[in-house]
């Protein structure tokens, strides 16, 4: 089997344990897998932002003052140069299969962090324009790795790219989501990157206005 990222052939070591209990095939080689930087150490308890000491970060304090309703965000990876390359190829060049690079980590991290089976997953939607441009919704691809019901309960009102905005512009933007399927049970929003929290806070606000009891989020990367 070849690595999904570097295309190097992977030849597993043949030992007695693999003869009688064949090793599970990996889609990524050890060298590439080691480039992922997992978040660790002290983090903001609300958004997983790396911190020097245990406290709530300045962005989350602002959201609290503004009545932000997102209960918490959990992220897996730091946004290092390796991850920037992976996201660019996966998200912007339409290479859907690259979700396999982190599927195993996603399942393990999510299961440990959200053990309850009572919630439903709501992937952050793309606009029709972005979906046509990219060919797939990366948030839905992440959600499909997980063993919880998925409800696509949101749509985007407009399609201005968040990645093209400055941090200040993102914080000033208006809510771009509307609820197309009200959900009356706990929701875990799923997205690829958490930056200022604007996207997820607005999605949570829209859902809770329509009767959702609580909203948390799971993101691949903490930007």
N, C-alpha and C. Protein backbone atom coordinates (compact mmCIF):
# COMPACT_ATOMS: atom_id res chain seq x y z
N UNK A 1 0.84 -1.19 0.00
CA UNK A 1 0.00 0.00 0.00
C UNK A 1 0.88 1.25 0.00
N UNK A 2 0.39 2.30 -0.66
CA UNK A 2 1.16 3.53 -0.75
C UNK A 2 0.59 4.60 0.18
N UNK A 3 1.47 5.42 0.72
CA UNK A 3 1.06 6.52 1.59
C UNK A 3 0.20 7.51 0.81
N UNK A 4 -0.90 7.93 1.39
CA UNK A 4 -1.80 8.88 0.73
C UNK A 4 -1.14 10.21 0.45
N UNK A 5 -0.14 10.56 1.24
CA UNK A 5 0.47 11.88 1.07
C UNK A 5 1.72 11.85 0.19
N UNK A 6 2.70 11.03 0.53
CA UNK A 6 3.98 11.05 -0.20
C UNK A 6 4.06 9.97 -1.27
N UNK A 7 3.11 9.04 -1.27
CA UNK A 7 3.02 7.96 -2.25
C UNK A 7 4.12 6.91 -2.12
N UNK A 8 4.87 6.96 -1.02
CA UNK A 8 5.87 5.92 -0.80
C UNK A 8 5.18 4.60 -0.46
N UNK A 9 5.72 3.51 -0.99
CA UNK A 9 5.14 2.20 -0.69
C UNK A 9 5.45 1.82 0.75
N UNK A 10 4.44 1.29 1.42
CA UNK A 10 4.62 0.86 2.80
C UNK A 10 4.71 -0.66 2.84
N UNK A 11 5.83 -1.15 3.33
CA UNK A 11 6.03 -2.60 3.43
C UNK A 11 6.12 -2.98 4.90
N UNK A 12 5.09 -3.58 5.45
CA UNK A 12 5.09 -3.91 6.88
C UNK A 12 6.11 -4.97 7.22
N UNK A 13 6.66 -4.89 8.44
CA UNK A 13 7.57 -5.92 8.93
C UNK A 13 6.81 -7.23 9.13
N UNK A 14 7.40 -8.32 8.69
CA UNK A 14 6.76 -9.63 8.85
C UNK A 14 7.34 -10.32 10.08
N UNK A 15 6.51 -10.42 11.11
CA UNK A 15 6.89 -11.13 12.32
C UNK A 15 5.76 -12.11 12.66
N UNK A 16 5.98 -12.95 13.67
CA UNK A 16 4.98 -13.96 14.00
C UNK A 16 3.61 -13.37 14.30
N UNK A 17 3.61 -12.20 14.97
CA UNK A 17 2.32 -11.59 15.33
C UNK A 17 1.54 -11.15 14.10
N UNK A 18 2.25 -10.71 13.04
CA UNK A 18 1.54 -10.27 11.84
C UNK A 18 1.12 -11.45 10.97
N UNK A 19 1.78 -12.58 11.14
CA UNK A 19 1.39 -13.76 10.39
C UNK A 19 0.04 -14.27 10.87
N UNK A 20 -0.13 -14.36 12.19
CA UNK A 20 -1.37 -14.90 12.75
C UNK A 20 -2.44 -13.85 13.00
N UNK A 21 -2.03 -12.60 13.15
CA UNK A 21 -2.98 -11.50 13.32
C UNK A 21 -2.50 -10.35 12.44
N UNK A 22 -2.85 -10.37 11.17
CA UNK A 22 -2.34 -9.38 10.22
C UNK A 22 -2.53 -7.94 10.71
N UNK A 23 -1.48 -7.17 10.51
CA UNK A 23 -1.49 -5.76 10.93
C UNK A 23 -2.48 -4.97 10.08
N UNK A 24 -3.21 -4.08 10.73
CA UNK A 24 -4.14 -3.21 10.01
C UNK A 24 -3.37 -2.30 9.07
N UNK A 25 -3.80 -2.25 7.81
CA UNK A 25 -3.10 -1.44 6.83
C UNK A 25 -3.26 0.05 7.15
N UNK A 26 -2.15 0.77 7.09
CA UNK A 26 -2.17 2.21 7.32
C UNK A 26 -2.18 2.94 5.99
N UNK A 27 -2.91 4.05 5.94
CA UNK A 27 -2.99 4.82 4.70
C UNK A 27 -1.93 5.91 4.66
N UNK A 28 -1.21 6.10 5.75
CA UNK A 28 -0.18 7.12 5.83
C UNK A 28 1.08 6.50 6.44
N UNK A 29 2.23 6.85 5.90
CA UNK A 29 3.48 6.29 6.41
C UNK A 29 3.86 6.94 7.73
N UNK A 30 4.73 6.31 8.47
CA UNK A 30 5.13 6.82 9.78
C UNK A 30 5.80 8.19 9.68
N UNK A 31 6.60 8.39 8.62
CA UNK A 31 7.32 9.66 8.46
C UNK A 31 6.34 10.81 8.28
N UNK A 32 5.32 10.61 7.46
CA UNK A 32 4.32 11.67 7.23
C UNK A 32 3.45 11.87 8.47
N UNK A 33 3.07 10.76 9.09
CA UNK A 33 2.21 10.86 10.27
C UNK A 33 2.89 11.64 11.39
N UNK A 34 4.20 11.53 11.48
CA UNK A 34 4.93 12.23 12.54
C UNK A 34 4.94 13.74 12.37
N UNK A 35 4.54 14.22 11.19
CA UNK A 35 4.54 15.66 10.93
C UNK A 35 3.32 16.36 11.55
N UNK A 36 2.28 15.59 11.86
CA UNK A 36 1.12 16.18 12.52
C UNK A 36 1.50 16.61 13.93
N UNK A 37 1.10 17.80 14.31
CA UNK A 37 1.39 18.30 15.65
C UNK A 37 0.11 18.32 16.47
N UNK A 38 -0.01 17.39 17.41
CA UNK A 38 -1.19 17.33 18.25
C UNK A 38 -1.16 18.43 19.31
N UNK A 39 -2.30 19.00 19.59
CA UNK A 39 -2.38 19.99 20.64
C UNK A 39 -2.15 19.30 21.98
N UNK A 40 -1.35 19.92 22.83
CA UNK A 40 -1.10 19.37 24.16
C UNK A 40 -0.78 20.51 25.10
N UNK A 41 -0.70 20.19 26.35
CA UNK A 41 -0.37 21.22 27.34
C UNK A 41 -1.60 22.06 27.70
N UNK A 42 -1.35 23.20 28.31
CA UNK A 42 -2.42 24.06 28.80
C UNK A 42 -3.16 24.72 27.65
N UNK A 43 -4.48 24.67 27.72
CA UNK A 43 -5.32 25.26 26.67
C UNK A 43 -6.47 26.05 27.29
N UNK A 44 -7.01 26.98 26.52
CA UNK A 44 -8.25 27.65 26.93
C UNK A 44 -9.33 26.58 27.07
N UNK A 45 -10.03 26.60 28.17
CA UNK A 45 -11.04 25.57 28.43
C UNK A 45 -12.26 25.70 27.52
N UNK A 46 -12.39 26.84 26.84
CA UNK A 46 -13.55 27.05 25.97
C UNK A 46 -13.27 26.75 24.50
N UNK A 47 -12.02 26.98 24.05
CA UNK A 47 -11.79 26.89 22.61
C UNK A 47 -10.54 26.10 22.21
N UNK A 48 -9.79 25.58 23.17
CA UNK A 48 -8.58 24.78 22.91
C UNK A 48 -7.39 25.60 22.44
N UNK A 49 -7.44 26.91 22.61
CA UNK A 49 -6.30 27.74 22.24
C UNK A 49 -5.14 27.48 23.21
N UNK A 50 -3.93 27.21 22.70
CA UNK A 50 -2.79 26.98 23.60
C UNK A 50 -2.53 28.22 24.47
N UNK A 51 -2.34 28.00 25.76
CA UNK A 51 -2.16 29.09 26.72
C UNK A 51 -0.98 28.79 27.63
N UNK A 52 -0.42 29.83 28.23
CA UNK A 52 0.68 29.64 29.17
C UNK A 52 0.18 29.17 30.53
N UNK A 53 -1.05 29.53 30.86
CA UNK A 53 -1.64 29.07 32.11
C UNK A 53 -3.12 28.84 31.93
N UNK A 54 -3.72 28.13 32.86
CA UNK A 54 -5.13 27.78 32.75
C UNK A 54 -6.01 29.00 32.96
N UNK A 55 -6.63 29.45 31.90
CA UNK A 55 -7.57 30.57 31.96
C UNK A 55 -8.36 30.61 30.67
N UNK A 56 -9.31 31.53 30.58
CA UNK A 56 -10.10 31.69 29.37
C UNK A 56 -9.42 32.74 28.50
N UNK A 57 -9.25 32.46 27.20
CA UNK A 57 -8.54 33.38 26.31
C UNK A 57 -9.36 34.65 26.06
N UNK A 58 -8.70 35.65 25.50
CA UNK A 58 -9.34 36.95 25.28
C UNK A 58 -10.51 36.85 24.31
N UNK A 59 -10.39 36.01 23.27
CA UNK A 59 -11.50 35.87 22.32
C UNK A 59 -12.73 35.30 23.01
N UNK A 60 -12.54 34.28 23.84
CA UNK A 60 -13.68 33.65 24.52
C UNK A 60 -14.31 34.60 25.55
N UNK A 61 -13.48 35.44 26.18
CA UNK A 61 -14.03 36.44 27.09
C UNK A 61 -14.92 37.42 26.34
N UNK A 62 -14.50 37.79 25.13
CA UNK A 62 -15.32 38.69 24.30
C UNK A 62 -16.62 38.02 23.91
N UNK A 63 -16.54 36.74 23.55
CA UNK A 63 -17.76 36.02 23.20
C UNK A 63 -18.70 35.93 24.39
N UNK A 64 -18.13 35.72 25.56
CA UNK A 64 -18.96 35.64 26.77
C UNK A 64 -19.68 36.97 27.00
N UNK A 65 -18.97 38.08 26.81
CA UNK A 65 -19.57 39.41 26.98
C UNK A 65 -20.67 39.66 25.95
N UNK A 66 -20.49 39.08 24.76
CA UNK A 66 -21.46 39.28 23.68
C UNK A 66 -22.59 38.24 23.67
N UNK A 67 -22.59 37.41 24.70
CA UNK A 67 -23.66 36.40 24.80
C UNK A 67 -23.44 35.17 23.95
N UNK A 68 -22.18 34.84 23.67
CA UNK A 68 -21.88 33.64 22.88
C UNK A 68 -22.44 32.39 23.53
N UNK A 69 -22.99 31.50 22.72
CA UNK A 69 -23.70 30.33 23.26
C UNK A 69 -22.97 29.01 23.04
N UNK A 70 -21.88 29.02 22.28
CA UNK A 70 -21.14 27.78 22.07
C UNK A 70 -20.52 27.33 23.38
N UNK A 71 -20.86 26.12 23.81
CA UNK A 71 -20.42 25.64 25.12
C UNK A 71 -18.92 25.45 25.18
N UNK A 72 -18.33 24.82 24.18
CA UNK A 72 -16.89 24.64 24.10
C UNK A 72 -16.52 24.13 22.72
N UNK A 73 -15.25 24.30 22.38
CA UNK A 73 -14.69 23.72 21.16
C UNK A 73 -13.54 22.81 21.53
N UNK A 74 -13.45 21.67 20.85
CA UNK A 74 -12.33 20.75 21.01
C UNK A 74 -11.63 20.62 19.66
N UNK A 75 -10.32 20.84 19.63
CA UNK A 75 -9.54 20.69 18.40
C UNK A 75 -8.45 19.65 18.60
N UNK A 76 -7.97 19.08 17.49
CA UNK A 76 -6.96 18.03 17.56
C UNK A 76 -5.54 18.53 17.30
N UNK A 77 -5.38 19.27 16.20
CA UNK A 77 -4.04 19.59 15.71
C UNK A 77 -3.72 21.08 15.80
N UNK A 78 -2.43 21.39 15.90
CA UNK A 78 -1.94 22.75 15.75
C UNK A 78 -1.82 23.04 14.25
N UNK A 79 -1.92 24.31 13.90
CA UNK A 79 -1.89 24.71 12.49
C UNK A 79 -0.45 25.00 12.07
N UNK A 80 0.37 23.96 12.02
CA UNK A 80 1.77 24.13 11.62
C UNK A 80 1.87 24.14 10.10
N UNK A 81 3.09 24.31 9.58
CA UNK A 81 3.27 24.40 8.12
C UNK A 81 2.83 23.12 7.42
N UNK A 82 3.09 21.99 8.03
CA UNK A 82 2.66 20.71 7.47
C UNK A 82 1.14 20.68 7.31
N UNK A 83 0.44 21.07 8.37
CA UNK A 83 -1.02 21.04 8.31
C UNK A 83 -1.56 22.04 7.31
N UNK A 84 -0.92 23.18 7.16
CA UNK A 84 -1.35 24.16 6.16
C UNK A 84 -1.29 23.55 4.76
N UNK A 85 -0.23 22.80 4.47
CA UNK A 85 -0.11 22.15 3.17
C UNK A 85 -1.19 21.09 2.98
N UNK A 86 -1.43 20.30 4.02
CA UNK A 86 -2.45 19.25 3.95
C UNK A 86 -3.83 19.86 3.70
N UNK A 87 -4.17 20.87 4.49
CA UNK A 87 -5.49 21.52 4.34
C UNK A 87 -5.64 22.13 2.96
N UNK A 88 -4.59 22.78 2.47
CA UNK A 88 -4.66 23.42 1.15
C UNK A 88 -4.95 22.40 0.05
N UNK A 89 -4.25 21.29 0.09
CA UNK A 89 -4.45 20.27 -0.95
C UNK A 89 -5.80 19.59 -0.80
N UNK A 90 -6.18 19.30 0.43
CA UNK A 90 -7.45 18.60 0.69
C UNK A 90 -8.65 19.49 0.41
N UNK A 91 -8.62 20.70 0.96
CA UNK A 91 -9.79 21.57 0.95
C UNK A 91 -9.94 22.35 -0.35
N UNK A 92 -8.83 22.87 -0.86
CA UNK A 92 -8.92 23.78 -2.00
C UNK A 92 -8.62 23.13 -3.34
N UNK A 93 -8.06 21.92 -3.33
CA UNK A 93 -7.80 21.24 -4.60
C UNK A 93 -8.70 20.03 -4.78
N UNK A 94 -9.69 19.90 -3.90
CA UNK A 94 -10.70 18.87 -4.07
C UNK A 94 -10.24 17.44 -3.93
N UNK A 95 -9.20 17.21 -3.14
CA UNK A 95 -8.67 15.85 -2.99
C UNK A 95 -9.33 15.18 -1.78
N UNK A 96 -10.56 14.73 -1.96
CA UNK A 96 -11.39 14.22 -0.86
C UNK A 96 -10.72 13.10 -0.08
N UNK A 97 -10.03 12.18 -0.76
CA UNK A 97 -9.50 10.98 -0.10
C UNK A 97 -8.49 11.31 0.99
N UNK A 98 -7.96 12.53 1.00
CA UNK A 98 -6.98 12.88 2.02
C UNK A 98 -7.56 12.90 3.42
N UNK A 99 -8.89 12.83 3.54
CA UNK A 99 -9.48 12.71 4.88
C UNK A 99 -8.94 11.46 5.58
N UNK A 100 -8.50 10.49 4.80
CA UNK A 100 -7.93 9.28 5.37
C UNK A 100 -6.66 9.51 6.15
N UNK A 101 -5.96 10.62 5.90
CA UNK A 101 -4.73 10.93 6.62
C UNK A 101 -4.95 11.05 8.12
N UNK A 102 -6.12 11.57 8.49
CA UNK A 102 -6.37 11.79 9.92
C UNK A 102 -7.62 11.11 10.44
N UNK A 103 -8.23 10.24 9.65
CA UNK A 103 -9.47 9.59 10.08
C UNK A 103 -9.30 8.83 11.39
N UNK A 104 -8.24 8.04 11.49
CA UNK A 104 -8.03 7.24 12.70
C UNK A 104 -7.88 8.14 13.93
N UNK A 105 -7.14 9.24 13.77
CA UNK A 105 -6.96 10.18 14.89
C UNK A 105 -8.27 10.87 15.24
N UNK A 106 -9.04 11.22 14.23
CA UNK A 106 -10.34 11.88 14.46
C UNK A 106 -11.24 10.98 15.30
N UNK A 107 -11.35 9.73 14.91
CA UNK A 107 -12.22 8.79 15.62
C UNK A 107 -11.77 8.63 17.07
N UNK A 108 -10.47 8.45 17.27
CA UNK A 108 -9.96 8.25 18.63
C UNK A 108 -10.17 9.49 19.49
N UNK A 109 -9.81 10.65 18.98
CA UNK A 109 -9.92 11.89 19.75
C UNK A 109 -11.37 12.22 20.07
N UNK A 110 -12.24 12.08 19.07
CA UNK A 110 -13.65 12.40 19.28
C UNK A 110 -14.27 11.47 20.31
N UNK A 111 -14.00 10.19 20.21
CA UNK A 111 -14.59 9.20 21.11
C UNK A 111 -14.16 9.45 22.55
N UNK A 112 -12.90 9.84 22.74
CA UNK A 112 -12.41 10.13 24.09
C UNK A 112 -13.01 11.41 24.66
N UNK A 113 -13.26 12.38 23.79
CA UNK A 113 -13.71 13.70 24.25
C UNK A 113 -15.22 13.78 24.38
N UNK A 114 -15.93 13.09 23.49
CA UNK A 114 -17.39 13.13 23.49
C UNK A 114 -17.93 11.69 23.60
N UNK A 115 -17.84 11.09 24.79
CA UNK A 115 -18.26 9.69 24.93
C UNK A 115 -19.76 9.47 24.83
N UNK A 116 -20.56 10.50 25.09
CA UNK A 116 -22.01 10.34 25.05
C UNK A 116 -22.50 10.12 23.63
N UNK A 117 -23.54 9.29 23.49
CA UNK A 117 -24.14 9.01 22.18
C UNK A 117 -25.45 9.76 21.99
N UNK A 118 -25.72 10.74 22.85
CA UNK A 118 -27.00 11.44 22.80
C UNK A 118 -27.04 12.57 21.77
N UNK A 119 -25.88 13.06 21.36
CA UNK A 119 -25.82 14.23 20.48
C UNK A 119 -25.91 13.82 19.01
N UNK A 120 -26.15 14.82 18.16
CA UNK A 120 -26.08 14.64 16.71
C UNK A 120 -25.00 15.57 16.17
N UNK A 121 -24.44 15.19 15.04
CA UNK A 121 -23.41 15.99 14.40
C UNK A 121 -24.04 16.91 13.35
N UNK A 122 -23.61 18.16 13.37
CA UNK A 122 -24.05 19.12 12.35
C UNK A 122 -22.81 19.71 11.70
N UNK A 123 -22.47 19.28 10.48
CA UNK A 123 -21.31 19.86 9.81
C UNK A 123 -21.60 21.29 9.37
N UNK A 124 -20.60 22.15 9.49
CA UNK A 124 -20.75 23.53 9.02
C UNK A 124 -20.91 23.49 7.50
N UNK A 125 -21.96 24.09 6.97
CA UNK A 125 -22.20 23.98 5.53
C UNK A 125 -21.36 24.96 4.71
N UNK A 126 -21.17 24.62 3.45
CA UNK A 126 -20.62 25.54 2.47
C UNK A 126 -21.77 26.17 1.70
N UNK A 127 -21.52 27.32 1.10
CA UNK A 127 -22.50 27.88 0.18
C UNK A 127 -22.53 27.00 -1.07
N UNK A 128 -23.56 27.13 -1.87
CA UNK A 128 -23.65 26.36 -3.10
C UNK A 128 -22.45 26.65 -4.01
N UNK A 129 -22.03 27.91 -4.02
CA UNK A 129 -20.89 28.31 -4.85
C UNK A 129 -19.61 27.62 -4.41
N UNK A 130 -19.36 27.61 -3.08
CA UNK A 130 -18.14 26.97 -2.58
C UNK A 130 -18.18 25.45 -2.77
N UNK A 131 -19.37 24.87 -2.58
CA UNK A 131 -19.49 23.42 -2.74
C UNK A 131 -19.20 23.01 -4.18
N UNK A 132 -19.70 23.78 -5.12
CA UNK A 132 -19.44 23.49 -6.53
C UNK A 132 -17.96 23.68 -6.86
N UNK A 133 -17.37 24.70 -6.26
CA UNK A 133 -15.96 25.01 -6.49
C UNK A 133 -15.03 23.92 -5.97
N UNK A 134 -15.33 23.39 -4.77
CA UNK A 134 -14.44 22.42 -4.11
C UNK A 134 -14.80 20.97 -4.41
N UNK A 135 -16.08 20.72 -4.68
CA UNK A 135 -16.49 19.35 -4.99
C UNK A 135 -16.99 18.56 -3.80
N UNK A 136 -16.71 19.00 -2.59
CA UNK A 136 -17.20 18.34 -1.38
C UNK A 136 -17.08 19.31 -0.21
N UNK A 137 -17.82 19.00 0.85
CA UNK A 137 -17.77 19.79 2.08
C UNK A 137 -16.83 19.10 3.05
N UNK A 138 -15.71 19.76 3.38
CA UNK A 138 -14.70 19.14 4.25
C UNK A 138 -15.25 18.86 5.65
N UNK A 139 -16.17 19.69 6.14
CA UNK A 139 -16.76 19.46 7.46
C UNK A 139 -17.60 18.18 7.46
N UNK A 140 -18.35 17.97 6.39
CA UNK A 140 -19.14 16.75 6.27
C UNK A 140 -18.23 15.53 6.17
N UNK A 141 -17.11 15.66 5.47
CA UNK A 141 -16.16 14.55 5.35
C UNK A 141 -15.64 14.12 6.72
N UNK A 142 -15.35 15.09 7.59
CA UNK A 142 -14.90 14.78 8.95
C UNK A 142 -16.02 14.10 9.73
N UNK A 143 -17.23 14.65 9.64
CA UNK A 143 -18.38 14.09 10.37
C UNK A 143 -18.64 12.65 9.96
N UNK A 144 -18.43 12.34 8.68
CA UNK A 144 -18.70 10.99 8.18
C UNK A 144 -17.71 9.95 8.71
N UNK A 145 -16.64 10.40 9.34
CA UNK A 145 -15.70 9.47 9.98
C UNK A 145 -16.25 8.95 11.30
N UNK A 146 -17.27 9.61 11.84
CA UNK A 146 -17.70 9.38 13.21
C UNK A 146 -19.00 8.59 13.29
N UNK A 147 -19.19 7.94 14.42
CA UNK A 147 -20.33 7.04 14.60
C UNK A 147 -21.46 7.72 15.37
N UNK A 148 -21.93 8.86 14.84
CA UNK A 148 -23.09 9.55 15.39
C UNK A 148 -23.97 10.00 14.23
N UNK A 149 -25.27 10.17 14.47
CA UNK A 149 -26.14 10.65 13.39
C UNK A 149 -25.70 12.04 12.91
N UNK A 150 -25.83 12.25 11.61
CA UNK A 150 -25.49 13.54 11.01
C UNK A 150 -26.78 14.21 10.52
N UNK A 151 -26.95 15.47 10.91
CA UNK A 151 -28.09 16.25 10.43
C UNK A 151 -27.57 17.54 9.82
N UNK A 152 -27.85 17.73 8.55
CA UNK A 152 -27.42 18.96 7.89
C UNK A 152 -28.51 20.01 8.07
N UNK A 153 -28.48 20.59 9.28
CA UNK A 153 -29.57 21.48 9.69
C UNK A 153 -29.37 22.94 9.39
N UNK A 154 -28.21 23.31 8.79
CA UNK A 154 -27.90 24.71 8.53
C UNK A 154 -27.65 24.95 7.05
N UNK A 155 -27.88 26.18 6.63
CA UNK A 155 -27.44 26.63 5.31
C UNK A 155 -26.81 28.00 5.46
N UNK A 156 -26.01 28.38 4.48
CA UNK A 156 -25.36 29.69 4.50
C UNK A 156 -26.19 30.71 3.74
N UNK A 157 -26.32 31.89 4.32
CA UNK A 157 -27.07 32.97 3.69
C UNK A 157 -26.23 33.65 2.63
N UNK A 158 -24.94 33.81 2.89
CA UNK A 158 -24.03 34.37 1.88
C UNK A 158 -22.72 33.63 1.94
N UNK A 159 -21.83 33.88 0.96
CA UNK A 159 -20.69 32.99 0.76
C UNK A 159 -19.34 33.68 0.82
N UNK A 160 -19.23 34.82 1.47
CA UNK A 160 -17.95 35.51 1.55
C UNK A 160 -16.93 34.63 2.27
N UNK A 161 -15.75 34.47 1.66
CA UNK A 161 -14.75 33.58 2.21
C UNK A 161 -14.17 34.11 3.51
N UNK A 162 -14.24 33.29 4.58
CA UNK A 162 -13.65 33.69 5.85
C UNK A 162 -12.13 33.77 5.75
N UNK A 163 -11.52 32.91 4.93
CA UNK A 163 -10.06 32.88 4.83
C UNK A 163 -9.49 34.15 4.21
N UNK A 164 -10.33 34.93 3.52
CA UNK A 164 -9.87 36.17 2.90
C UNK A 164 -10.03 37.38 3.81
N UNK A 165 -10.66 37.19 4.97
CA UNK A 165 -10.91 38.30 5.89
C UNK A 165 -9.80 38.41 6.92
N UNK A 166 -9.59 39.63 7.40
CA UNK A 166 -8.68 39.82 8.53
C UNK A 166 -9.38 39.33 9.79
N UNK A 167 -8.60 39.17 10.84
CA UNK A 167 -9.18 38.73 12.12
C UNK A 167 -10.25 39.71 12.59
N UNK A 168 -9.97 41.01 12.47
CA UNK A 168 -10.93 42.04 12.90
C UNK A 168 -12.21 41.98 12.08
N UNK A 169 -12.07 41.77 10.76
CA UNK A 169 -13.25 41.69 9.90
C UNK A 169 -14.10 40.48 10.23
N UNK A 170 -13.46 39.37 10.57
CA UNK A 170 -14.21 38.17 10.95
C UNK A 170 -15.04 38.43 12.21
N UNK A 171 -14.43 39.11 13.16
CA UNK A 171 -15.13 39.38 14.42
C UNK A 171 -16.31 40.34 14.24
N UNK A 172 -16.24 41.18 13.19
CA UNK A 172 -17.32 42.16 12.96
C UNK A 172 -18.41 41.63 12.04
N UNK A 173 -18.19 40.51 11.38
CA UNK A 173 -19.15 40.03 10.40
C UNK A 173 -20.48 39.62 11.05
N UNK A 174 -21.52 39.59 10.23
CA UNK A 174 -22.85 39.24 10.72
C UNK A 174 -23.13 37.75 10.51
N UNK A 175 -24.17 37.27 11.16
CA UNK A 175 -24.47 35.84 11.11
C UNK A 175 -24.85 35.41 9.70
N UNK A 176 -24.15 34.40 9.19
CA UNK A 176 -24.37 33.94 7.82
C UNK A 176 -25.14 32.63 7.75
N UNK A 177 -25.74 32.20 8.87
CA UNK A 177 -26.42 30.91 8.89
C UNK A 177 -27.92 31.05 9.12
N UNK A 178 -28.65 30.13 8.52
CA UNK A 178 -30.06 29.99 8.84
C UNK A 178 -30.36 28.51 9.05
N UNK A 179 -31.32 28.24 9.91
CA UNK A 179 -31.68 26.86 10.24
C UNK A 179 -32.70 26.34 9.23
N UNK A 180 -32.39 25.21 8.61
CA UNK A 180 -33.32 24.59 7.68
C UNK A 180 -33.94 23.33 8.26
N UNK A 181 -33.36 22.87 9.39
CA UNK A 181 -33.89 21.70 10.09
C UNK A 181 -33.70 21.91 11.59
N UNK A 182 -34.73 22.40 12.29
CA UNK A 182 -34.59 22.59 13.75
C UNK A 182 -34.24 21.28 14.44
N UNK A 183 -33.32 21.35 15.40
CA UNK A 183 -32.84 20.16 16.10
C UNK A 183 -33.09 20.34 17.59
N UNK A 184 -33.78 19.40 18.20
CA UNK A 184 -34.19 19.52 19.60
C UNK A 184 -33.36 18.64 20.54
N UNK A 185 -32.17 18.31 20.15
CA UNK A 185 -31.27 17.52 21.00
C UNK A 185 -29.88 18.14 20.93
N UNK A 186 -28.98 17.76 21.85
CA UNK A 186 -27.64 18.36 21.84
C UNK A 186 -26.94 18.18 20.50
N UNK A 187 -26.21 19.21 20.10
CA UNK A 187 -25.52 19.22 18.81
C UNK A 187 -24.01 19.37 19.02
N UNK A 188 -23.25 18.66 18.21
CA UNK A 188 -21.81 18.88 18.11
C UNK A 188 -21.54 19.35 16.68
N UNK A 189 -21.19 20.62 16.55
CA UNK A 189 -20.83 21.16 15.24
C UNK A 189 -19.48 20.59 14.82
N UNK A 190 -19.31 20.37 13.54
CA UNK A 190 -18.05 19.83 13.02
C UNK A 190 -17.52 20.77 11.94
N UNK A 191 -16.24 21.12 12.04
CA UNK A 191 -15.60 21.97 11.03
C UNK A 191 -14.12 21.64 10.95
N UNK A 192 -13.43 22.20 9.97
CA UNK A 192 -12.01 21.89 9.81
C UNK A 192 -11.11 22.75 10.69
N UNK A 193 -11.36 24.08 10.75
CA UNK A 193 -10.46 24.98 11.46
C UNK A 193 -11.23 25.91 12.39
N UNK A 194 -10.74 26.06 13.61
CA UNK A 194 -11.25 27.06 14.55
C UNK A 194 -10.22 28.19 14.60
N UNK A 195 -10.67 29.42 14.25
CA UNK A 195 -9.75 30.56 14.28
C UNK A 195 -10.21 31.56 15.34
N UNK A 196 -11.18 32.39 15.02
CA UNK A 196 -11.71 33.33 16.01
C UNK A 196 -12.95 32.77 16.72
N UNK A 197 -13.53 31.72 16.14
CA UNK A 197 -14.76 31.16 16.70
C UNK A 197 -16.02 31.76 16.12
N UNK A 198 -15.86 32.74 15.23
CA UNK A 198 -17.04 33.44 14.68
C UNK A 198 -18.00 32.49 13.98
N UNK A 199 -17.48 31.65 13.11
CA UNK A 199 -18.33 30.72 12.36
C UNK A 199 -19.11 29.81 13.28
N UNK A 200 -18.44 29.21 14.24
CA UNK A 200 -19.09 28.25 15.12
C UNK A 200 -20.04 28.92 16.11
N UNK A 201 -19.67 30.10 16.60
CA UNK A 201 -20.57 30.83 17.49
C UNK A 201 -21.87 31.19 16.77
N UNK A 202 -21.77 31.65 15.54
CA UNK A 202 -22.97 32.02 14.79
C UNK A 202 -23.83 30.80 14.48
N UNK A 203 -23.19 29.69 14.13
CA UNK A 203 -23.94 28.47 13.86
C UNK A 203 -24.67 28.01 15.12
N UNK A 204 -23.98 28.07 16.27
CA UNK A 204 -24.60 27.69 17.54
C UNK A 204 -25.77 28.60 17.88
N UNK A 205 -25.58 29.89 17.66
CA UNK A 205 -26.64 30.87 17.94
C UNK A 205 -27.89 30.58 17.11
N UNK A 206 -27.69 30.32 15.82
CA UNK A 206 -28.82 30.04 14.94
C UNK A 206 -29.57 28.79 15.40
N UNK A 207 -28.85 27.74 15.76
CA UNK A 207 -29.48 26.50 16.19
C UNK A 207 -30.25 26.67 17.49
N UNK A 208 -29.65 27.38 18.44
CA UNK A 208 -30.29 27.52 19.75
C UNK A 208 -31.51 28.44 19.70
N UNK A 209 -31.53 29.36 18.77
CA UNK A 209 -32.72 30.20 18.59
C UNK A 209 -33.91 29.38 18.11
N UNK A 210 -33.62 28.23 17.50
CA UNK A 210 -34.69 27.35 17.00
C UNK A 210 -34.93 26.15 17.91
N UNK A 211 -34.44 26.24 19.16
CA UNK A 211 -34.80 25.22 20.14
C UNK A 211 -33.76 24.18 20.48
N UNK A 212 -32.56 24.26 19.91
CA UNK A 212 -31.51 23.31 20.26
C UNK A 212 -31.07 23.56 21.71
N UNK A 213 -30.98 22.54 22.56
CA UNK A 213 -30.68 22.76 23.98
C UNK A 213 -29.23 23.12 24.28
N UNK A 214 -28.27 22.62 23.51
CA UNK A 214 -26.86 22.93 23.76
C UNK A 214 -26.04 22.63 22.51
N UNK A 215 -24.94 23.39 22.36
CA UNK A 215 -24.09 23.21 21.19
C UNK A 215 -22.62 23.24 21.60
N UNK A 216 -21.87 22.21 21.19
CA UNK A 216 -20.43 22.16 21.32
C UNK A 216 -19.86 22.01 19.91
N UNK A 217 -18.53 22.04 19.80
CA UNK A 217 -17.95 21.86 18.47
C UNK A 217 -16.68 21.03 18.52
N UNK A 218 -16.45 20.33 17.41
CA UNK A 218 -15.24 19.52 17.23
C UNK A 218 -14.60 19.96 15.93
N UNK A 219 -13.35 20.41 16.00
CA UNK A 219 -12.65 20.88 14.82
C UNK A 219 -11.32 20.16 14.66
N UNK A 220 -10.90 20.00 13.44
CA UNK A 220 -9.65 19.31 13.14
C UNK A 220 -8.44 20.10 13.65
N UNK A 221 -8.45 21.41 13.42
CA UNK A 221 -7.29 22.25 13.65
C UNK A 221 -7.66 23.47 14.48
N UNK A 222 -6.75 23.86 15.40
CA UNK A 222 -6.92 25.14 16.12
C UNK A 222 -5.95 26.13 15.50
N UNK A 223 -6.48 27.09 14.74
CA UNK A 223 -5.65 28.07 14.04
C UNK A 223 -5.17 29.17 14.98
